Amino acid sequence: MASTIVLSIVFTISLWFIFWLLILYFQHTENIKKCLLEPMFKFPIVIFESDDWGTGSFNQQTALTRINTLLAQYTDSTGSHPVMTLGVILAEPDVAKIKASNQQIYYKRTLADSRYAKLREAIQQGIDQGTFAVHLHGMEHFWPASLMQSAQNNPQVQQWLFNNDSLQTEDLPSELQSRWVDSSQIPSREHSPEDIQRAIDEELSLYAEIFGQTPKIVVPPTFVWTDEVEKAYAARGIEVWITPGRQCTGRDKQRLPKPNGRLFWNGQEQGGLLFLVRNNYFEPSIGHTAETALQGILAKTQCGRPALLETHRFNFIDETENNSSLQELDKLLQLMHTHLPNVRFMSVTQLAKIMKDHNRGITTEVIVDSKRQRTRILFARIKSLLQFNRIAKYSGINFLLKAV
């Protein structure tokens, strides 16, 4: 009698879990497929993804020299240094010329200007040492016509443009920093295809003039871009697109980035582009610590994913913040050396090649080939996927997954 009751209880509990597992499976079918399609890595992979370098503050060359010196002190087991991506902005307003036009015509000053010679040297030194890799962030970190329109009636923009020594675009209203839509009015509007193509041609030409080759990787400012922008870049030879895991196509009535529901996974290929996902933050000046960054890296490693840590130049160009941010970066590298002895450092270009090879059935030493390890990573990814799902929480599925 007792055994019958126990069997009945076990049978009922099993049916309960099977029912809710099926519900969750059908609810997350596409996401589970992505968990399987996304490459699985044997080793922790870490890349520092840093944006907004280029025109602007003249403190940048000192900051980059110090970052380069620090990164060059560390290597992984293959002898590679940690790599910091520099998402580069190529131009800023030429305020004197704009004023001379009675504030009616926009003029730019570019990174090719002689005043940025030392900054270009600092960037090149890091490239030569294997600690820096340059990506295209944009001509400006705004759309010039939107900036000029906003300067007519927005005191904050007027102050930034006409009474400002540094022209740091971080100080602009956030919606104006979205280059690939017109945010002079809210909700934002799309640019014409002709204007987009003309702007991209100009960007690619200047980038090649400054760095000696056309870019292959793009980081769209504020991660707001339209399909027209994506297609235009791909048609001109861009191969890799950096994302936060989703696409935003404009700014809404609250001036916030507006998602369109399109999601990405690492290694996804579509329309001639390979998409990568930044999946961690490391902004020491706003409270991100080495310890929390390490936990994020460990979580990504458990899921067989590379850790792409987003950081920005504002952490490093102010002298006080520079010192504390460099100390936190140094601490993080020390923690990785202790807790992740098998970590691999590489550039986004190297990571993208590994993923393209994987998609074409070409095996590499860093990709998991063991069925047992693939199963373990798949469960870790599903756990991460369902961690904040209410059904998983209240049905007991999360408890069941923890026991696996």
Protein backbone atom coordinates (compact mmCIF):
# COMPACT_ATOMS: atom_id res chain seq x y z
CA MET A 1 0.00 0.00 0.00
CA ALA A 2 2.75 2.43 1.00
CA SER A 3 4.76 1.62 -2.13
CA THR A 4 1.67 2.22 -4.29
CA ILE A 5 1.20 5.66 -2.72
CA VAL A 6 4.86 6.50 -3.26
CA LEU A 7 4.68 5.41 -6.90
CA SER A 8 1.55 7.49 -7.39
CA ILE A 9 3.26 10.54 -5.92
CA VAL A 10 6.36 10.02 -8.08
CA PHE A 11 4.16 9.52 -11.17
CA THR A 12 2.17 12.70 -10.43
CA ILE A 13 5.32 14.77 -9.85
CA SER A 14 6.84 13.39 -13.05
CA LEU A 15 3.72 14.31 -15.03
CA TRP A 16 3.83 17.78 -13.46
CA PHE A 17 7.42 18.36 -14.55
CA ILE A 18 6.87 16.84 -18.01
CA PHE A 19 3.84 19.08 -18.57
CA TRP A 20 5.69 22.26 -17.64
CA LEU A 21 8.86 21.21 -19.47
CA LEU A 22 6.77 20.85 -22.64
CA ILE A 23 5.18 24.26 -22.03
CA LEU A 24 8.61 25.84 -21.62
CA TYR A 25 10.01 23.99 -24.62
CA PHE A 26 7.30 25.28 -26.95
CA GLN A 27 7.57 28.76 -25.40
CA HIS A 28 11.33 28.86 -25.97
CA THR A 29 11.77 26.61 -29.02
CA GLU A 30 13.62 29.26 -31.02
CA ASN A 31 15.84 30.24 -28.09
CA ILE A 32 16.72 26.60 -27.38
CA LYS A 33 17.61 26.15 -31.07
CA LYS A 34 19.90 29.17 -30.75
CA CYS A 35 21.53 27.58 -27.70
CA LEU A 36 22.39 24.62 -29.92
CA LEU A 37 23.49 26.66 -32.94
CA GLU A 38 25.74 29.05 -31.06
CA PRO A 39 29.37 27.80 -31.00
CA MET A 40 30.52 26.23 -27.72
CA PHE A 41 34.00 27.14 -26.51
CA LYS A 42 36.31 24.93 -24.47
CA PHE A 43 38.18 27.82 -22.91
CA PRO A 44 37.30 31.16 -21.32
CA ILE A 45 37.62 33.82 -24.03
CA VAL A 46 37.83 37.48 -23.02
CA ILE A 47 37.81 40.61 -25.19
CA PHE A 48 37.57 44.19 -23.92
CA GLU A 49 35.23 46.14 -26.20
CA SER A 50 35.79 49.89 -25.78
CA ASP A 51 34.00 52.66 -27.68
CA ASP A 52 34.17 56.40 -28.44
CA TRP A 53 37.92 56.80 -29.02
CA GLY A 54 39.02 59.23 -31.71
CA THR A 55 38.33 62.94 -32.06
CA GLY A 56 37.62 64.89 -28.88
CA SER A 57 39.67 65.04 -25.71
CA PHE A 58 43.45 65.37 -26.07
CA ASN A 59 43.86 63.30 -22.90
CA GLN A 60 43.16 60.19 -24.95
CA GLN A 61 46.71 59.54 -26.11
CA THR A 62 47.98 59.45 -22.52
CA ALA A 63 45.13 57.16 -21.48
CA LEU A 64 45.73 54.79 -24.39
CA THR A 65 49.46 54.67 -23.74
CA ARG A 66 48.81 53.67 -20.13
CA ILE A 67 46.21 51.06 -21.14
CA ASN A 68 48.62 49.63 -23.70
CA THR A 69 51.42 49.43 -21.12
CA LEU A 70 49.14 47.60 -18.69
CA LEU A 71 47.73 45.11 -21.22
CA ALA A 72 51.24 44.34 -22.52
CA GLN A 73 52.20 43.07 -19.05
CA TYR A 74 49.79 40.12 -19.31
CA THR A 75 49.66 37.10 -21.61
CA ASP A 76 47.61 33.93 -21.86
CA SER A 77 48.99 30.41 -22.22
CA THR A 78 49.52 30.97 -25.96
CA GLY A 79 51.51 34.19 -25.39
CA SER A 80 48.73 36.53 -26.58
CA HIS A 81 48.08 39.81 -24.78
CA PRO A 82 44.61 40.93 -23.69
CA VAL A 83 43.06 42.86 -26.58
CA MET A 84 41.05 46.05 -26.21
CA THR A 85 38.87 46.96 -29.16
CA LEU A 86 38.85 50.67 -29.93
CA GLY A 87 35.56 51.68 -31.52
CA VAL A 88 36.77 54.81 -33.32
CA ILE A 89 34.95 58.05 -34.11
CA LEU A 90 36.53 59.78 -37.10
CA ALA A 91 35.31 63.38 -36.95
CA GLU A 92 34.03 66.24 -34.80
CA PRO A 93 32.47 69.63 -35.56
CA ASP A 94 34.82 72.37 -36.78
CA VAL A 95 33.26 74.99 -34.56
CA ALA A 96 35.21 77.95 -35.97
CA LYS A 97 34.02 77.25 -39.50
CA ILE A 98 30.44 76.63 -38.35
CA LYS A 99 30.42 79.98 -36.54
CA ALA A 100 31.89 81.69 -39.61
CA SER A 101 28.91 80.42 -41.62
CA ASN A 102 26.60 82.21 -39.18
CA GLN A 103 25.89 78.78 -37.66
CA GLN A 104 24.11 77.68 -40.82
CA ILE A 105 26.50 75.13 -42.33
CA TYR A 106 28.08 72.10 -40.68
CA TYR A 107 31.82 71.59 -41.09
CA LYS A 108 33.90 68.74 -39.67
CA ARG A 109 37.49 68.25 -38.50
CA THR A 110 38.71 64.67 -38.79
CA LEU A 111 41.05 62.29 -37.03
CA ALA A 112 43.45 62.77 -39.95
CA ASP A 113 44.10 66.34 -38.71
CA SER A 114 47.67 67.00 -37.55
CA ARG A 115 46.49 67.82 -34.02
CA TYR A 116 45.61 64.14 -33.61
CA ALA A 117 49.01 62.84 -34.74
CA LYS A 118 50.02 61.70 -31.23
CA LEU A 119 46.70 59.98 -30.70
CA ARG A 120 47.07 58.08 -33.96
CA GLU A 121 50.59 57.08 -32.88
CA ALA A 122 49.29 55.78 -29.54
CA ILE A 123 46.63 53.72 -31.31
CA GLN A 124 49.14 52.31 -33.80
CA GLN A 125 51.58 51.40 -31.03
CA GLY A 126 48.91 49.27 -29.38
CA ILE A 127 47.98 47.66 -32.70
CA ASP A 128 51.64 46.80 -33.31
CA GLN A 129 51.98 45.29 -29.81
CA GLY A 130 48.81 43.25 -30.18
CA THR A 131 46.88 45.00 -27.40
CA PHE A 132 44.57 47.18 -29.55
CA ALA A 133 42.26 46.39 -32.46
CA VAL A 134 40.42 49.19 -34.26
CA HIS A 135 36.76 49.00 -35.32
CA LEU A 136 34.61 51.58 -37.07
CA HIS A 137 32.19 53.31 -34.71
CA GLY A 138 31.21 56.13 -37.05
CA MET A 139 32.23 59.33 -38.78
CA GLU A 140 30.63 61.34 -35.97
CA HIS A 141 28.80 59.98 -32.94
CA PHE A 142 25.74 61.87 -34.19
CA TRP A 143 24.03 62.81 -37.43
CA PRO A 144 25.31 66.30 -38.34
CA ALA A 145 21.98 67.62 -39.68
CA SER A 146 20.23 66.46 -36.50
CA LEU A 147 22.85 68.21 -34.37
CA MET A 148 22.50 71.48 -36.29
CA GLN A 149 18.71 71.32 -36.13
CA SER A 150 18.75 70.66 -32.38
CA ALA A 151 21.25 73.48 -31.79
CA GLN A 152 18.63 75.99 -32.96
CA ASN A 153 16.32 75.42 -29.99
CA ASN A 154 18.08 73.23 -27.42
CA PRO A 155 20.27 75.20 -24.96
CA GLN A 156 22.19 72.06 -23.94
CA VAL A 157 23.17 71.36 -27.54
CA GLN A 158 23.98 75.04 -28.17
CA GLN A 159 26.27 75.02 -25.14
CA TRP A 160 27.95 71.79 -26.26
CA LEU A 161 28.54 72.98 -29.80
CA PHE A 162 29.52 76.61 -29.38
CA ASN A 163 30.89 76.97 -25.84
CA ASN A 164 32.83 73.78 -25.30
CA ASP A 165 36.54 73.03 -25.41
CA SER A 166 36.49 69.23 -25.54
CA LEU A 167 33.47 68.35 -27.73
CA GLN A 168 33.06 65.04 -25.93
CA THR A 169 29.99 63.45 -27.50
CA GLU A 170 29.25 61.65 -24.22
CA ASP A 171 27.89 65.01 -23.03
CA LEU A 172 25.27 65.28 -25.79
CA PRO A 173 21.65 64.24 -25.12
CA SER A 174 21.64 60.47 -25.49
CA GLU A 175 19.12 60.44 -28.34
CA LEU A 176 21.37 62.67 -30.47
CA GLN A 177 24.23 60.19 -30.04
CA SER A 178 22.26 57.71 -32.18
CA ARG A 179 23.87 58.48 -35.53
CA TRP A 180 21.73 56.30 -37.77
CA VAL A 181 18.37 57.97 -37.11
CA ASP A 182 17.24 61.58 -37.07
CA SER A 183 16.58 62.36 -33.39
CA SER A 184 16.18 66.12 -33.78
CA GLN A 185 12.49 65.28 -33.39
CA ILE A 186 11.04 62.60 -31.15
CA PRO A 187 10.03 59.91 -32.01
CA SER A 188 13.03 59.68 -34.33
CA ARG A 189 12.77 59.35 -38.09
CA GLU A 190 14.78 57.30 -40.57
CA HIS A 191 17.34 58.84 -42.91
CA SER A 192 16.89 58.50 -46.65
CA PRO A 193 18.72 55.57 -48.31
CA GLU A 194 20.72 58.06 -50.37
CA ASP A 195 21.95 59.94 -47.29
CA ILE A 196 22.87 56.66 -45.56
CA GLN A 197 24.88 55.38 -48.50
CA ARG A 198 26.66 58.71 -48.99
CA ALA A 199 27.60 58.86 -45.29
CA ILE A 200 28.88 55.27 -45.23
CA ASP A 201 30.99 55.79 -48.35
CA GLU A 202 32.56 58.84 -46.69
CA GLU A 203 33.25 56.91 -43.48
CA LEU A 204 34.89 53.97 -45.19
CA SER A 205 37.07 56.19 -47.36
CA LEU A 206 38.36 58.24 -44.41
CA TYR A 207 38.91 55.15 -42.25
CA ALA A 208 41.04 53.60 -45.02
CA GLU A 209 43.01 56.85 -45.37
CA ILE A 210 43.80 56.93 -41.64
CA PHE A 211 44.38 53.25 -40.89
CA GLY A 212 45.61 51.99 -44.26
CA GLN A 213 42.80 49.51 -44.88
CA THR A 214 39.03 49.47 -45.10
CA PRO A 215 37.22 48.33 -41.94
CA LYS A 216 35.62 44.92 -41.64
CA ILE A 217 33.88 45.42 -38.27
CA VAL A 218 31.23 47.99 -37.32
CA VAL A 219 29.89 49.02 -33.89
CA PRO A 220 26.80 51.22 -34.54
CA PRO A 221 26.62 54.16 -32.07
CA THR A 222 24.22 53.48 -29.16
CA PHE A 223 23.29 50.23 -30.97
CA VAL A 224 20.52 51.99 -32.90
CA TRP A 225 20.45 51.20 -36.61
CA THR A 226 17.96 50.49 -39.38
CA ASP A 227 17.87 47.63 -41.88
CA GLU A 228 18.88 50.11 -44.60
CA VAL A 229 22.07 50.96 -42.70
CA GLU A 230 22.91 47.29 -42.16
CA LYS A 231 22.40 46.43 -45.84
CA ALA A 232 24.48 49.40 -47.00
CA TYR A 233 27.44 48.42 -44.81
CA ALA A 234 27.24 44.76 -45.87
CA ALA A 235 27.16 45.75 -49.54
CA ARG A 236 30.42 47.66 -49.03
CA GLY A 237 32.39 44.82 -47.50
CA ILE A 238 31.68 45.01 -43.77
CA GLU A 239 31.81 41.45 -42.43
CA VAL A 240 31.18 41.62 -38.66
CA TRP A 241 28.47 43.52 -36.76
CA ILE A 242 28.72 44.10 -33.01
CA THR A 243 25.38 44.04 -31.16
CA PRO A 244 24.01 43.97 -27.59
CA GLY A 245 21.93 40.94 -28.60
CA ARG A 246 19.06 42.91 -30.12
CA GLN A 247 18.33 45.54 -32.76
CA CYS A 248 16.87 48.96 -31.97
CA THR A 249 15.65 50.93 -34.97
CA GLY A 250 14.97 54.35 -33.45
CA ARG A 251 14.17 56.45 -30.40
CA ASP A 252 10.66 56.33 -28.95
CA LYS A 253 8.53 59.07 -27.34
CA GLN A 254 10.53 58.71 -24.12
CA ARG A 255 13.76 59.14 -26.15
CA LEU A 256 14.75 55.54 -25.38
CA PRO A 257 16.11 53.06 -27.92
CA LYS A 258 13.19 51.25 -29.59
CA PRO A 259 13.65 47.45 -30.04
CA ASN A 260 12.06 45.85 -33.08
CA GLY A 261 12.04 42.31 -31.65
CA ARG A 262 15.01 41.05 -33.65
CA LEU A 263 17.48 39.11 -31.48
CA PHE A 264 20.99 37.81 -32.17
CA TRP A 265 23.28 35.06 -30.94
CA ASN A 266 27.06 34.85 -31.21
CA GLY A 267 28.11 33.50 -34.58
CA GLN A 268 24.78 34.13 -36.32
CA GLU A 269 25.21 34.85 -40.03
CA GLN A 270 22.67 36.73 -42.09
CA GLY A 271 22.76 39.04 -45.08
CA GLY A 272 26.51 38.65 -45.52
CA LEU A 273 27.26 39.65 -41.91
CA LEU A 274 28.38 37.70 -38.88
CA PHE A 275 26.86 39.02 -35.65
CA LEU A 276 28.58 39.08 -32.26
CA VAL A 277 27.03 39.91 -28.90
CA ARG A 278 28.52 42.05 -26.15
CA ASN A 279 27.34 40.24 -23.05
CA ASN A 280 29.06 41.91 -20.07
CA TYR A 281 29.86 45.41 -18.84
CA PHE A 282 33.06 46.70 -17.30
CA GLU A 283 32.64 50.41 -16.57
CA PRO A 284 34.72 51.00 -13.39
CA SER A 285 33.86 54.70 -13.13
CA ILE A 286 30.18 53.86 -12.61
CA GLY A 287 30.76 51.07 -10.10
CA HIS A 288 31.57 47.93 -12.08
CA THR A 289 34.24 46.09 -10.12
CA ALA A 290 36.82 43.51 -11.11
CA GLU A 291 35.05 40.92 -8.93
CA THR A 292 31.65 41.38 -10.62
CA ALA A 293 33.30 41.33 -14.06
CA LEU A 294 35.04 38.07 -13.15
CA GLN A 295 31.72 36.53 -12.09
CA GLY A 296 30.25 37.51 -15.44
CA ILE A 297 33.17 35.93 -17.28
CA LEU A 298 32.82 32.72 -15.23
CA ALA A 299 29.10 32.58 -16.05
CA LYS A 300 29.81 32.97 -19.77
CA THR A 301 32.54 30.33 -19.58
CA GLN A 302 30.12 27.87 -17.96
CA CYS A 303 27.81 28.46 -20.92
CA GLY A 304 30.65 28.00 -23.42
CA ARG A 305 30.38 31.59 -24.57
CA PRO A 306 33.07 34.23 -25.10
CA ALA A 307 32.93 37.22 -22.75
CA LEU A 308 32.86 40.52 -24.64
CA LEU A 309 33.16 43.20 -21.97
CA GLU A 310 31.79 46.60 -22.98
CA THR A 311 33.64 49.62 -21.65
CA HIS A 312 33.96 53.25 -22.80
CA ARG A 313 36.66 55.87 -22.99
CA PHE A 314 34.99 57.99 -20.28
CA ASN A 315 36.41 55.52 -17.74
CA PHE A 316 39.96 56.44 -18.72
CA ILE A 317 40.28 60.01 -20.03
CA ASP A 318 39.71 61.88 -16.77
CA GLU A 319 42.92 61.68 -14.69
CA THR A 320 41.22 60.59 -11.46
CA GLU A 321 38.95 58.08 -13.19
CA ASN A 322 41.87 56.92 -15.33
CA ASN A 323 43.87 55.89 -12.26
CA SER A 324 41.00 54.06 -10.55
CA SER A 325 39.79 52.41 -13.78
CA LEU A 326 43.30 51.24 -14.65
CA GLN A 327 43.68 49.82 -11.14
CA GLU A 328 40.39 47.93 -11.52
CA LEU A 329 41.43 46.66 -14.96
CA ASP A 330 44.74 45.50 -13.51
CA LYS A 331 42.90 43.77 -10.69
CA LEU A 332 40.59 42.00 -13.13
CA LEU A 333 43.54 40.74 -15.17
CA GLN A 334 45.17 39.45 -11.98
CA LEU A 335 41.94 37.68 -10.98
CA MET A 336 41.71 36.07 -14.41
CA HIS A 337 45.31 34.91 -14.10
CA THR A 338 44.43 33.24 -10.78
CA HIS A 339 40.95 31.86 -11.47
CA LEU A 340 41.09 31.32 -15.24
CA PRO A 341 44.58 29.97 -16.00
CA ASN A 342 43.37 28.61 -19.35
CA VAL A 343 41.88 31.95 -20.51
CA ARG A 344 42.40 32.87 -24.16
CA PHE A 345 42.85 36.47 -25.28
CA MET A 346 42.07 37.34 -28.89
CA SER A 347 40.69 40.04 -31.16
CA VAL A 348 37.17 40.15 -32.53
CA THR A 349 38.63 39.41 -35.96
CA GLN A 350 40.11 36.16 -34.64
CA LEU A 351 36.89 35.25 -32.82
CA ALA A 352 34.80 35.92 -35.92
CA LYS A 353 37.03 33.66 -38.02
CA ILE A 354 36.67 30.82 -35.51
CA MET A 355 32.89 31.20 -35.63
CA LYS A 356 32.78 31.36 -39.43
CA ASP A 357 34.92 28.22 -39.60
CA HIS A 358 32.61 26.50 -37.13
CA ASN A 359 29.55 27.43 -39.21
CA ARG A 360 31.23 25.80 -42.22
CA GLY A 361 32.15 22.62 -40.37
CA ILE A 362 35.83 23.48 -39.93
CA THR A 363 37.01 22.38 -36.48
CA THR A 364 39.39 24.38 -34.30
CA GLU A 365 41.03 23.57 -30.99
CA VAL A 366 38.91 26.04 -29.01
CA ILE A 367 35.53 24.62 -30.07
CA VAL A 368 33.97 21.85 -27.96
CA ASP A 369 33.78 18.50 -29.76
CA SER A 370 32.92 16.18 -26.84
CA LYS A 371 29.22 15.19 -26.70
CA ARG A 372 29.37 15.11 -22.90
CA GLN A 373 30.78 18.63 -22.70
CA ARG A 374 28.28 19.92 -25.30
CA THR A 375 25.43 18.47 -23.23
CA ARG A 376 26.77 20.10 -20.06
CA ILE A 377 27.06 23.48 -21.81
CA LEU A 378 23.59 23.13 -23.33
CA PHE A 379 22.08 22.57 -19.87
CA ALA A 380 23.99 25.58 -18.55
CA ARG A 381 22.60 27.72 -21.37
CA ILE A 382 19.06 26.50 -20.77
CA LYS A 383 19.42 27.21 -17.05
CA SER A 384 20.57 30.73 -17.88
CA LEU A 385 17.68 31.14 -20.35
CA LEU A 386 15.06 30.05 -17.81
CA GLN A 387 16.61 31.67 -14.75
CA PHE A 388 14.15 34.58 -14.66
CA ASN A 389 11.18 32.80 -16.26
CA ARG A 390 8.15 32.82 -13.94
CA ILE A 391 6.83 29.47 -15.19
CA ALA A 392 10.21 27.86 -14.58
CA LYS A 393 10.37 29.39 -11.12
CA TYR A 394 6.90 28.53 -9.83
CA SER A 395 6.58 25.13 -11.51
CA GLY A 396 9.80 23.95 -9.85
CA ILE A 397 11.66 23.51 -13.17
CA ASN A 398 14.46 25.81 -12.03
CA PHE A 399 14.93 23.64 -8.95
CA LEU A 400 15.03 20.57 -11.17
CA LEU A 401 17.63 22.17 -13.48
CA LYS A 402 19.83 23.06 -10.53
CA ALA A 403 19.93 19.39 -9.60
CA VAL A 404 21.09 18.37 -13.08
